[in-house]
Amino acid sequence: MANIASIHDIRADGDFAADYAAFVSGLTLDQMPQTVVAAAKANLFDTLACATAGASAVGVGDLKALVTDWGGKPEASIWCSSVRVPAHHAAWVNGMMAHARDYDDTHDGAVLHAGVSVIPAAVAAAELNPNATGADLIAGIVAGLELICRLGVATSIGIIESGFMYTSLFGHFAATAAAARVAGLDRNQTINALGVAYSQAAGTHQVTRDAALTKRVQPGFAAKTGLISVALTKAGIRGAQNTFEGIDGLFRSYLRERYDPDALRDGLGERYEFLNLSYKPYPCCRFNHTAIDAALIIRRELEARGATVHALTARVNKQAFEAVCTPVAVRKRPATIVQAQFSLPYTVACALHNGAVGLRAFTEEGLRDEDVLAMSSRVNAELDAEIERNWSRNISPTQLIAETDKGLIEARVDVPRGHPKSPMSLADFDAKLTDCLTISGLDWPGTAVTTLRQTIDELHEARRGAAILEAITR
């Protein structure tokens, strides 16, 4: 078996892979401010909460049954169950489970989800490594979250133009960084593992246009890649070394060299980009969230005036218009849960009619609510030149205009709830977990929320990183 650590002709010193591998391999909790440790724990809590809701989501049971039938070494756990399978298969299912309800975190500037590839990979790696402590697991989570967020903010081409979903495309590298740190890989091994991940990296935006269930599978593919890349590296399989900025590296081959190299490296180890992650108060595409917030404002005004809505117009940027407003007929009357998750008209209608947008809105029963669908049919969308000019790459603000029998009512929201500038409270997160547990289809004890909260709060002191699983095993 070849030893990657002993290979002396690794030539990645000018590539971001070398810079990031040096950061990852030396990363410890002692180097991090407490705010960073707390943020990693918050992401772990939120991702596991989302996974409990995903346990009953369409497609998750099918993938779980498939990998269970395949069998193999019982290395790691499929969350919310007692099933153990090979670690890469566990990460695959858990990644899908965490993303299935579209309730997971978002970086509003990078337009991607971070935790759904990183957390499953890091936790599975902790199960594989009996020497991995809770502190190691947290360090791995930080390594993965920081990489996916830095790749995202450094990339200037948006997902609509590139055609890639950065959640999964960048998630392959983030999951690998997380698993590498938890596994204890050194700098050269981590460079190599990132190169092995590059040979597997993918993730298309077409899945959202086609409302495909593979939308929720893609982060699982990324999580799986993290475990495979580390395993192949430990087995001596050499991967690409100049993964990101090589002649045929990620940024040229996938992203037309539309990136800022300084944004990749600026303040690495001192400034943590993943602190800018947002957390979702609504289980649907983040492009809908400013519109939902605006709709809730308008709903309160409608009640105050005793007014009735005749029509609504949402003004957004191009990314939001293409992702959640077109095709118009599909968005106004979604036929599937994925279509509903990516529908601005439907989610605005839910907010106006129900005063909330929760998990029940994205069930077969919810999709048959004719009152909501009637309201959805009255919601139109337009491109807004000012919003496009100032927020073309980011999550779009929404200017929502309601035509009512008492005149026009307008609301504009630039910063969606859950953003660091408009954060969710600890009570909000606990309520979100309760919402997720309720729809999971599983029997949870009344102490489930406090147990998970306490387990994560104490994780930095845990002798075994895999101890986190005790809080979510059924």
Protein backbone atom coordinates (compact mmCIF):
# COMPACT_ATOMS: atom_id res chain seq x y z
CA MET A 1 0.00 0.00 0.00
CA ALA A 2 1.43 3.36 -1.00
CA ASN A 3 1.85 6.00 1.67
CA ILE A 4 0.60 9.37 0.47
CA ALA A 5 2.30 11.12 3.38
CA SER A 6 5.70 9.95 2.11
CA ILE A 7 5.24 11.20 -1.45
CA HIS A 8 7.68 14.08 -1.95
CA ASP A 9 6.70 15.24 -5.43
CA ILE A 10 3.39 16.83 -4.43
CA ARG A 11 3.35 20.13 -6.31
CA ALA A 12 0.35 22.03 -5.02
CA ASP A 13 2.18 24.81 -3.20
CA GLY A 14 0.64 27.52 -5.38
CA ASP A 15 -2.84 26.04 -5.33
CA PHE A 16 -5.53 26.86 -2.79
CA ALA A 17 -5.62 23.13 -1.99
CA ALA A 18 -2.21 23.48 -0.32
CA ASP A 19 -3.23 26.56 1.64
CA TYR A 20 -6.43 25.00 2.85
CA ALA A 21 -4.87 21.63 3.63
CA ALA A 22 -2.33 23.33 5.88
CA PHE A 23 -5.19 25.09 7.67
CA VAL A 24 -7.26 21.92 8.06
CA SER A 25 -4.51 19.59 9.22
CA GLY A 26 -3.44 21.96 11.99
CA LEU A 27 -6.91 23.04 13.09
CA THR A 28 -7.73 22.72 16.80
CA LEU A 29 -10.36 24.23 19.05
CA ASP A 30 -7.65 26.09 20.97
CA GLN A 31 -7.08 28.25 17.89
CA MET A 32 -10.74 29.24 17.53
CA PRO A 33 -12.70 31.99 19.22
CA GLN A 34 -15.62 30.68 21.25
CA THR A 35 -17.97 32.29 18.74
CA VAL A 36 -16.62 29.93 16.08
CA VAL A 37 -17.05 26.85 18.26
CA ALA A 38 -20.58 27.97 19.14
CA ALA A 39 -21.40 28.54 15.46
CA ALA A 40 -20.22 25.04 14.55
CA LYS A 41 -22.39 23.58 17.31
CA ALA A 42 -25.37 25.62 16.09
CA ASN A 43 -24.91 24.23 12.60
CA LEU A 44 -24.72 20.70 13.96
CA PHE A 45 -27.93 21.22 15.93
CA ASP A 46 -29.79 22.69 12.97
CA THR A 47 -28.60 20.05 10.50
CA LEU A 48 -29.57 17.19 12.80
CA ALA A 49 -32.95 18.86 13.38
CA CYS A 50 -33.52 19.03 9.63
CA ALA A 51 -32.51 15.39 9.31
CA THR A 52 -35.17 14.27 11.78
CA ALA A 53 -37.79 15.89 9.55
CA GLY A 54 -36.18 14.32 6.50
CA ALA A 55 -36.51 10.83 7.95
CA SER A 56 -40.08 10.66 6.62
CA ALA A 57 -39.49 12.62 3.40
CA VAL A 58 -40.17 11.16 -0.03
CA GLY A 59 -37.22 9.16 -1.37
CA VAL A 60 -35.25 8.90 1.86
CA GLY A 61 -36.74 5.54 2.82
CA ASP A 62 -36.02 4.22 -0.67
CA LEU A 63 -32.33 5.12 -0.47
CA LYS A 64 -32.11 3.76 3.06
CA ALA A 65 -33.67 0.46 1.94
CA LEU A 66 -31.29 0.28 -1.02
CA VAL A 67 -28.07 0.70 0.95
CA THR A 68 -29.39 -1.59 3.70
CA ASP A 69 -30.05 -4.27 1.10
CA TRP A 70 -26.54 -3.83 -0.29
CA GLY A 71 -25.15 -4.61 3.17
CA GLY A 72 -21.46 -4.35 3.96
CA LYS A 73 -19.48 -3.50 7.09
CA PRO A 74 -21.66 -1.87 9.79
CA GLU A 75 -19.36 1.13 10.20
CA ALA A 76 -21.69 4.08 10.70
CA SER A 77 -25.28 4.88 11.56
CA ILE A 78 -28.17 5.98 9.40
CA TRP A 79 -29.63 8.71 11.58
CA CYS A 80 -33.01 8.35 13.24
CA SER A 81 -32.67 4.57 13.11
CA SER A 82 -30.64 1.69 14.50
CA VAL A 83 -29.34 0.70 11.05
CA ARG A 84 -25.57 0.61 10.51
CA VAL A 85 -23.98 0.39 7.07
CA PRO A 86 -20.62 1.25 5.44
CA ALA A 87 -19.64 4.79 6.42
CA HIS A 88 -19.89 6.28 2.94
CA HIS A 89 -23.39 4.85 2.53
CA ALA A 90 -24.45 6.26 5.90
CA ALA A 91 -23.16 9.70 4.92
CA TRP A 92 -25.03 9.44 1.61
CA VAL A 93 -28.39 8.67 3.22
CA ASN A 94 -27.88 11.19 6.02
CA GLY A 95 -26.99 13.93 3.57
CA MET A 96 -30.19 13.30 1.64
CA MET A 97 -32.17 13.13 4.87
CA ALA A 98 -30.84 16.49 6.10
CA HIS A 99 -31.61 18.26 2.82
CA ALA A 100 -34.92 16.61 1.94
CA ARG A 101 -37.19 19.19 3.59
CA ASP A 102 -35.17 22.20 2.31
CA TYR A 103 -35.08 23.47 5.89
CA ASP A 104 -31.29 23.53 6.18
CA ASP A 105 -28.86 26.45 6.42
CA THR A 106 -28.00 28.82 3.58
CA HIS A 107 -25.16 31.21 2.88
CA ASP A 108 -27.16 34.05 1.36
CA GLY A 109 -24.16 35.55 -0.46
CA ALA A 110 -22.77 32.29 -1.80
CA VAL A 111 -26.25 30.83 -2.45
CA LEU A 112 -25.56 27.36 -1.10
CA HIS A 113 -26.33 25.03 1.79
CA ALA A 114 -23.31 24.09 3.91
CA GLY A 115 -24.13 21.65 6.69
CA VAL A 116 -25.91 18.98 4.67
CA SER A 117 -22.70 17.68 3.12
CA VAL A 118 -20.32 18.55 5.95
CA ILE A 119 -22.15 17.23 9.02
CA PRO A 120 -22.97 13.74 7.63
CA ALA A 121 -19.37 13.30 6.47
CA ALA A 122 -17.85 14.53 9.73
CA VAL A 123 -20.11 12.39 11.92
CA ALA A 124 -19.51 9.25 9.84
CA ALA A 125 -15.77 9.90 9.96
CA ALA A 126 -16.01 10.19 13.74
CA GLU A 127 -17.69 6.78 13.86
CA LEU A 128 -14.85 5.31 11.79
CA ASN A 129 -12.14 6.79 13.99
CA PRO A 130 -12.43 5.58 17.61
CA ASN A 131 -9.80 8.13 18.63
CA ALA A 132 -11.80 11.09 17.32
CA THR A 133 -12.99 13.22 20.23
CA GLY A 134 -15.86 15.67 20.33
CA ALA A 135 -13.30 18.43 19.81
CA ASP A 136 -12.05 16.65 16.68
CA LEU A 137 -15.60 16.43 15.35
CA ILE A 138 -16.14 20.15 15.92
CA ALA A 139 -12.81 20.95 14.22
CA GLY A 140 -13.85 18.82 11.24
CA ILE A 141 -17.18 20.63 11.04
CA VAL A 142 -15.41 23.99 11.07
CA ALA A 143 -13.00 22.80 8.35
CA GLY A 144 -15.84 21.73 6.09
CA LEU A 145 -18.17 24.67 6.67
CA GLU A 146 -15.42 27.20 6.15
CA LEU A 147 -14.30 25.64 2.87
CA ILE A 148 -17.73 25.48 1.25
CA CYS A 149 -18.50 29.06 2.28
CA ARG A 150 -15.16 30.41 1.04
CA LEU A 151 -15.54 28.63 -2.28
CA GLY A 152 -19.02 30.09 -2.57
CA VAL A 153 -18.20 33.72 -1.82
CA ALA A 154 -15.09 33.59 -4.02
CA THR A 155 -17.17 32.47 -7.01
CA SER A 156 -18.63 35.38 -8.97
CA ILE A 157 -20.74 33.36 -11.40
CA GLY A 158 -24.21 32.51 -10.09
CA ILE A 159 -25.88 29.11 -10.10
CA ILE A 160 -28.36 30.06 -12.82
CA GLU A 161 -25.57 31.10 -15.19
CA SER A 162 -23.17 28.26 -14.35
CA GLY A 163 -25.82 25.55 -14.20
CA PHE A 164 -24.25 24.00 -11.09
CA MET A 165 -25.70 23.66 -7.61
CA TYR A 166 -22.89 24.87 -5.38
CA THR A 167 -24.36 23.02 -2.40
CA SER A 168 -23.26 19.77 -3.97
CA LEU A 169 -20.43 20.88 -6.27
CA PHE A 170 -18.50 22.58 -3.48
CA GLY A 171 -19.90 20.15 -0.95
CA HIS A 172 -17.68 17.38 -2.31
CA PHE A 173 -14.61 19.32 -1.20
CA ALA A 174 -16.14 20.53 2.06
CA ALA A 175 -17.19 17.03 3.09
CA THR A 176 -13.70 15.80 2.25
CA ALA A 177 -12.05 18.52 4.33
CA ALA A 178 -14.32 17.66 7.26
CA ALA A 179 -13.69 13.93 7.02
CA ALA A 180 -9.95 14.47 6.55
CA ARG A 181 -9.68 16.51 9.75
CA VAL A 182 -11.72 14.02 11.79
CA ALA A 183 -9.66 11.14 10.37
CA GLY A 184 -6.43 12.90 11.34
CA LEU A 185 -4.94 13.28 7.85
CA ASP A 186 -1.83 15.45 7.53
CA ARG A 187 -1.29 18.29 5.05
CA ASN A 188 -0.14 16.19 2.09
CA GLN A 189 -2.84 13.61 2.66
CA THR A 190 -5.47 16.33 2.80
CA ILE A 191 -4.21 17.87 -0.45
CA ASN A 192 -4.51 14.44 -2.01
CA ALA A 193 -7.97 13.78 -0.61
CA LEU A 194 -9.22 17.07 -2.08
CA GLY A 195 -7.84 15.93 -5.42
CA VAL A 196 -9.64 12.62 -5.15
CA ALA A 197 -12.82 14.54 -4.38
CA TYR A 198 -12.32 16.58 -7.55
CA SER A 199 -12.60 13.39 -9.60
CA GLN A 200 -16.11 12.93 -8.18
CA ALA A 201 -17.37 16.52 -7.96
CA ALA A 202 -20.72 17.27 -9.56
CA GLY A 203 -24.12 18.76 -8.87
CA THR A 204 -26.47 20.23 -11.45
CA HIS A 205 -29.07 22.99 -11.19
CA GLN A 206 -31.24 21.13 -13.70
CA VAL A 207 -32.68 19.12 -10.82
CA THR A 208 -34.51 22.21 -9.56
CA ARG A 209 -35.89 23.05 -12.99
CA ASP A 210 -37.20 19.49 -13.34
CA ALA A 211 -38.33 19.21 -9.69
CA ALA A 212 -36.26 16.03 -9.44
CA LEU A 213 -35.87 14.10 -6.21
CA THR A 214 -32.16 13.98 -6.95
CA LYS A 215 -32.12 17.61 -5.79
CA ARG A 216 -32.18 16.21 -2.26
CA VAL A 217 -29.81 13.33 -3.10
CA GLN A 218 -27.00 15.57 -4.40
CA PRO A 219 -25.70 16.71 -0.98
CA GLY A 220 -25.65 13.05 0.00
CA PHE A 221 -23.42 12.32 -2.98
CA ALA A 222 -21.09 15.05 -1.71
CA ALA A 223 -21.06 13.64 1.84
CA LYS A 224 -20.33 10.17 0.46
CA THR A 225 -17.43 11.58 -1.55
CA GLY A 226 -15.83 12.87 1.64
CA LEU A 227 -15.57 9.38 3.12
CA ILE A 228 -14.47 7.78 -0.16
CA SER A 229 -11.79 10.42 -0.79
CA VAL A 230 -10.27 9.93 2.65
CA ALA A 231 -10.40 6.14 2.31
CA LEU A 232 -8.73 6.19 -1.11
CA THR A 233 -6.06 8.54 0.18
CA LYS A 234 -5.32 6.27 3.13
CA ALA A 235 -5.13 3.36 0.66
CA GLY A 236 -2.46 5.22 -1.32
CA ILE A 237 -4.46 6.32 -4.36
CA ARG A 238 -2.99 9.53 -5.71
CA GLY A 239 -5.38 12.28 -6.74
CA ALA A 240 -4.96 15.61 -8.51
CA GLN A 241 -2.80 18.04 -6.55
CA ASN A 242 -3.68 21.40 -8.12
CA THR A 243 -7.36 20.87 -7.58
CA PHE A 244 -8.71 24.39 -7.53
CA GLU A 245 -6.39 26.63 -9.55
CA GLY A 246 -4.57 24.19 -11.82
CA ILE A 247 -4.70 24.41 -15.61
CA ASP A 248 -7.73 22.13 -15.54
CA GLY A 249 -8.70 22.87 -11.97
CA LEU A 250 -12.16 23.52 -10.59
CA PHE A 251 -12.30 27.24 -11.28
CA ARG A 252 -11.35 26.99 -14.95
CA SER A 253 -13.13 23.76 -15.83
CA TYR A 254 -16.38 24.36 -13.95
CA LEU A 255 -16.61 28.09 -13.29
CA ARG A 256 -15.01 29.84 -16.30
CA GLU A 257 -12.31 31.29 -14.02
CA ARG A 258 -14.92 33.62 -12.52
CA TYR A 259 -13.52 33.76 -9.01
CA ASP A 260 -11.54 35.96 -6.63
CA PRO A 261 -8.38 34.23 -5.35
CA ASP A 262 -8.04 36.77 -2.55
CA ALA A 263 -11.50 35.91 -1.24
CA LEU A 264 -10.40 32.29 -0.94
CA ARG A 265 -7.41 33.10 1.24
CA ASP A 266 -8.16 36.39 2.99
CA GLY A 267 -7.86 35.99 6.75
CA LEU A 268 -7.84 32.19 6.60
CA GLY A 269 -7.66 30.98 10.18
CA GLU A 270 -8.48 34.44 11.55
CA ARG A 271 -11.77 35.36 9.88
CA TYR A 272 -14.42 32.66 9.54
CA GLU A 273 -16.78 33.05 6.60
CA PHE A 274 -19.20 30.39 7.83
CA LEU A 275 -20.25 32.75 10.62
CA ASN A 276 -22.28 34.43 7.87
CA LEU A 277 -24.51 31.38 7.40
CA SER A 278 -28.25 31.95 7.67
CA TYR A 279 -30.71 29.50 9.20
CA LYS A 280 -34.13 28.87 7.76
CA PRO A 281 -37.39 29.69 9.52
CA TYR A 282 -39.32 28.27 6.54
CA PRO A 283 -38.76 24.83 4.91
CA CYS A 284 -38.38 25.89 1.29
CA CYS A 285 -35.92 27.45 -1.14
CA ARG A 286 -34.18 30.47 0.37
CA PHE A 287 -35.09 32.51 -2.72
CA ASN A 288 -38.66 32.50 -1.34
CA HIS A 289 -37.84 33.82 2.10
CA THR A 290 -37.81 37.58 1.60
CA ALA A 291 -41.10 37.19 -0.26
CA ILE A 292 -42.57 35.19 2.64
CA ASP A 293 -41.39 37.80 5.15
CA ALA A 294 -42.96 40.53 3.01
CA ALA A 295 -46.19 38.54 2.69
CA LEU A 296 -46.45 38.20 6.47
CA ILE A 297 -46.06 41.98 6.79
CA ILE A 298 -48.80 42.51 4.21
CA ARG A 299 -51.03 39.97 5.98
CA ARG A 300 -50.88 41.99 9.18
CA GLU A 301 -51.77 45.15 7.25
CA LEU A 302 -54.65 43.38 5.50
CA GLU A 303 -56.06 42.37 8.87
CA ALA A 304 -55.65 45.90 10.23
CA ARG A 305 -57.48 47.42 7.25
CA GLY A 306 -60.01 44.64 6.80
CA ALA A 307 -58.87 44.43 3.17
CA THR A 308 -59.14 41.66 0.58
CA VAL A 309 -56.37 40.85 -1.90
CA HIS A 310 -57.15 40.86 -5.62
CA ALA A 311 -53.60 40.37 -6.95
CA LEU A 312 -49.97 40.49 -5.86
CA THR A 313 -46.73 41.27 -7.67
CA ALA A 314 -43.32 40.21 -6.38
CA ARG A 315 -40.32 42.09 -7.76
CA VAL A 316 -37.06 40.12 -7.49
CA ASN A 317 -33.65 39.55 -9.12
CA LYS A 318 -32.99 37.26 -12.07
CA GLN A 319 -31.78 34.30 -9.99
CA ALA A 320 -34.95 34.26 -7.92
CA PHE A 321 -37.16 34.89 -10.95
CA GLU A 322 -35.76 31.89 -12.81
CA ALA A 323 -35.48 29.59 -9.79
CA VAL A 324 -38.83 30.10 -8.05
CA CYS A 325 -41.09 32.11 -10.38
CA THR A 326 -40.87 30.22 -13.68
CA PRO A 327 -42.33 28.22 -15.37
CA VAL A 328 -45.33 30.29 -14.30
CA ALA A 329 -47.97 27.53 -14.49
CA VAL A 330 -45.86 25.14 -12.42
CA ARG A 331 -45.00 27.73 -9.78
CA LYS A 332 -48.60 28.89 -9.37
CA ARG A 333 -49.98 25.38 -8.99
CA PRO A 334 -47.19 23.02 -7.91
CA ALA A 335 -48.00 19.34 -8.34
CA THR A 336 -45.09 17.93 -6.32
CA ILE A 337 -43.43 18.77 -3.04
CA VAL A 338 -40.20 19.80 -4.76
CA GLN A 339 -42.14 22.13 -7.08
CA ALA A 340 -43.80 23.66 -4.01
CA GLN A 341 -40.46 24.13 -2.25
CA PHE A 342 -39.30 26.10 -5.29
CA SER A 343 -42.44 28.20 -5.76
CA LEU A 344 -42.59 31.85 -4.75
CA PRO A 345 -46.32 32.14 -5.58
CA TYR A 346 -47.20 29.08 -3.50
CA THR A 347 -45.14 30.05 -0.45
CA VAL A 348 -46.41 33.64 -0.54
CA ALA A 349 -49.95 32.27 -0.72
CA CYS A 350 -49.30 30.01 2.29
CA ALA A 351 -48.02 32.99 4.27
CA LEU A 352 -51.00 35.15 3.34
CA HIS A 353 -53.66 32.50 3.86
CA ASN A 354 -52.26 30.59 6.85
CA GLY A 355 -50.07 33.20 8.52
CA ALA A 356 -47.21 30.69 8.54
CA VAL A 357 -45.13 28.54 6.20
CA GLY A 358 -44.33 25.29 7.99
CA LEU A 359 -43.59 21.71 7.13
CA ARG A 360 -47.26 20.81 6.69
CA ALA A 361 -47.42 23.13 3.67
CA PHE A 362 -45.04 20.75 1.89
CA THR A 363 -47.02 17.55 2.21
CA GLU A 364 -49.45 15.92 -0.20
CA GLU A 365 -52.31 17.21 1.93
CA GLY A 366 -50.91 20.73 1.92
CA LEU A 367 -50.60 20.76 -1.86
CA ARG A 368 -54.32 20.05 -2.16
CA ASP A 369 -55.43 23.14 -0.22
CA GLU A 370 -57.58 24.88 -2.83
CA ASP A 371 -57.77 28.11 -0.83
CA VAL A 372 -53.99 28.40 -0.89
CA LEU A 373 -53.85 27.47 -4.57
CA ALA A 374 -56.48 30.09 -5.39
CA MET A 375 -54.33 32.71 -3.67
CA SER A 376 -51.22 31.37 -5.43
CA SER A 377 -52.88 31.92 -8.80
CA ARG A 378 -53.07 35.64 -8.00
CA VAL A 379 -49.34 36.01 -7.31
CA ASN A 380 -47.22 37.29 -10.21
CA ALA A 381 -43.50 38.02 -10.42
CA GLU A 382 -41.37 40.55 -12.26
CA LEU A 383 -37.68 41.28 -12.65
CA ASP A 384 -36.62 44.41 -10.79
CA ALA A 385 -33.75 46.33 -12.37
CA GLU A 386 -32.57 47.95 -9.13
CA ILE A 387 -32.62 44.67 -7.20
CA GLU A 388 -30.81 42.89 -10.04
CA ARG A 389 -28.20 45.63 -10.22
CA ASN A 390 -27.40 45.55 -6.51
CA TRP A 391 -28.11 41.91 -5.57
CA SER A 392 -27.50 39.92 -8.76
CA ARG A 393 -25.35 37.23 -7.08
CA ASN A 394 -27.11 37.09 -3.71
CA ILE A 395 -30.41 35.94 -2.27
CA SER A 396 -32.85 38.44 -3.71
CA PRO A 397 -34.72 41.11 -1.78
CA THR A 398 -38.44 41.19 -2.57
CA GLN A 399 -40.69 44.15 -3.22
CA LEU A 400 -44.21 42.76 -2.75
CA ILE A 401 -47.17 44.82 -3.94
CA ALA A 402 -50.72 43.80 -3.06
CA GLU A 403 -53.71 45.17 -4.94
CA THR A 404 -56.65 45.16 -2.53
CA ASP A 405 -60.16 46.54 -2.26
CA LYS A 406 -58.70 49.17 0.10
CA GLY A 407 -55.87 50.26 -2.20
CA LEU A 408 -52.24 49.20 -2.64
CA ILE A 409 -50.26 47.68 0.20
CA GLU A 410 -46.50 47.33 -0.27
CA ALA A 411 -43.73 45.68 1.71
CA ARG A 412 -40.05 45.30 0.91
CA VAL A 413 -37.67 42.93 2.66
CA ASP A 414 -33.95 43.01 1.86
CA VAL A 415 -32.63 40.78 4.66
CA PRO A 416 -34.57 37.56 5.27
CA ARG A 417 -35.25 36.27 8.74
CA GLY A 418 -32.55 33.86 9.88
CA HIS A 419 -29.74 35.95 8.39
CA PRO A 420 -27.01 36.99 10.87
CA LYS A 421 -28.47 40.52 10.69
CA SER A 422 -31.93 39.15 11.54
CA PRO A 423 -31.09 36.00 13.51
CA MET A 424 -33.29 33.26 14.89
CA SER A 425 -33.28 32.95 18.68
CA LEU A 426 -32.38 29.86 20.69
CA ALA A 427 -36.10 29.38 21.29
CA ASP A 428 -36.67 29.58 17.51
CA PHE A 429 -34.17 26.77 16.95
CA ASP A 430 -35.77 24.62 19.64
CA ALA A 431 -39.21 25.25 18.13
CA LYS A 432 -37.84 24.30 14.73
CA LEU A 433 -36.53 21.01 16.09
CA THR A 434 -39.92 20.33 17.67
CA ASP A 435 -41.57 20.98 14.28
CA CYS A 436 -39.11 18.57 12.66
CA LEU A 437 -39.59 15.85 15.26
CA THR A 438 -43.36 16.06 14.85
CA ILE A 439 -43.27 15.35 11.13
CA SER A 440 -40.53 12.70 11.35
CA GLY A 441 -43.02 9.86 11.77
CA LEU A 442 -40.95 8.53 14.67
CA ASP A 443 -41.66 8.22 18.37
CA TRP A 444 -39.40 10.67 20.21
CA PRO A 445 -39.26 11.13 23.99
CA GLY A 446 -40.48 14.40 25.43
CA THR A 447 -36.89 15.22 26.36
CA ALA A 448 -35.57 14.95 22.78
CA VAL A 449 -35.01 18.68 22.31
CA THR A 450 -33.21 19.21 25.60
CA THR A 451 -31.18 16.02 25.15
CA LEU A 452 -29.85 17.07 21.75
CA ARG A 453 -29.20 20.60 22.99
CA GLN A 454 -27.25 19.37 26.03
CA THR A 455 -25.30 16.75 24.06
CA ILE A 456 -24.13 19.37 21.57
CA ASP A 457 -23.40 21.97 24.26
CA GLU A 458 -21.05 19.47 25.93
CA LEU A 459 -19.58 18.01 22.73
CA HIS A 460 -16.23 19.80 23.03
CA GLU A 461 -15.58 17.78 26.21
CA ALA A 462 -16.74 14.41 24.84
CA ARG A 463 -14.14 11.63 24.66
CA ARG A 464 -15.83 10.28 21.53
CA GLY A 465 -17.17 12.45 18.74
CA ALA A 466 -19.60 9.71 17.77
CA ALA A 467 -21.37 10.20 21.11
CA ILE A 468 -23.57 12.75 19.36
CA LEU A 469 -25.45 9.85 17.76
CA GLU A 470 -26.97 8.79 21.06
CA ALA A 471 -29.29 11.81 20.86
CA ILE A 472 -30.75 10.93 17.45
CA THR A 473 -30.79 7.12 17.37
CA ARG A 474 -34.22 5.52 17.36
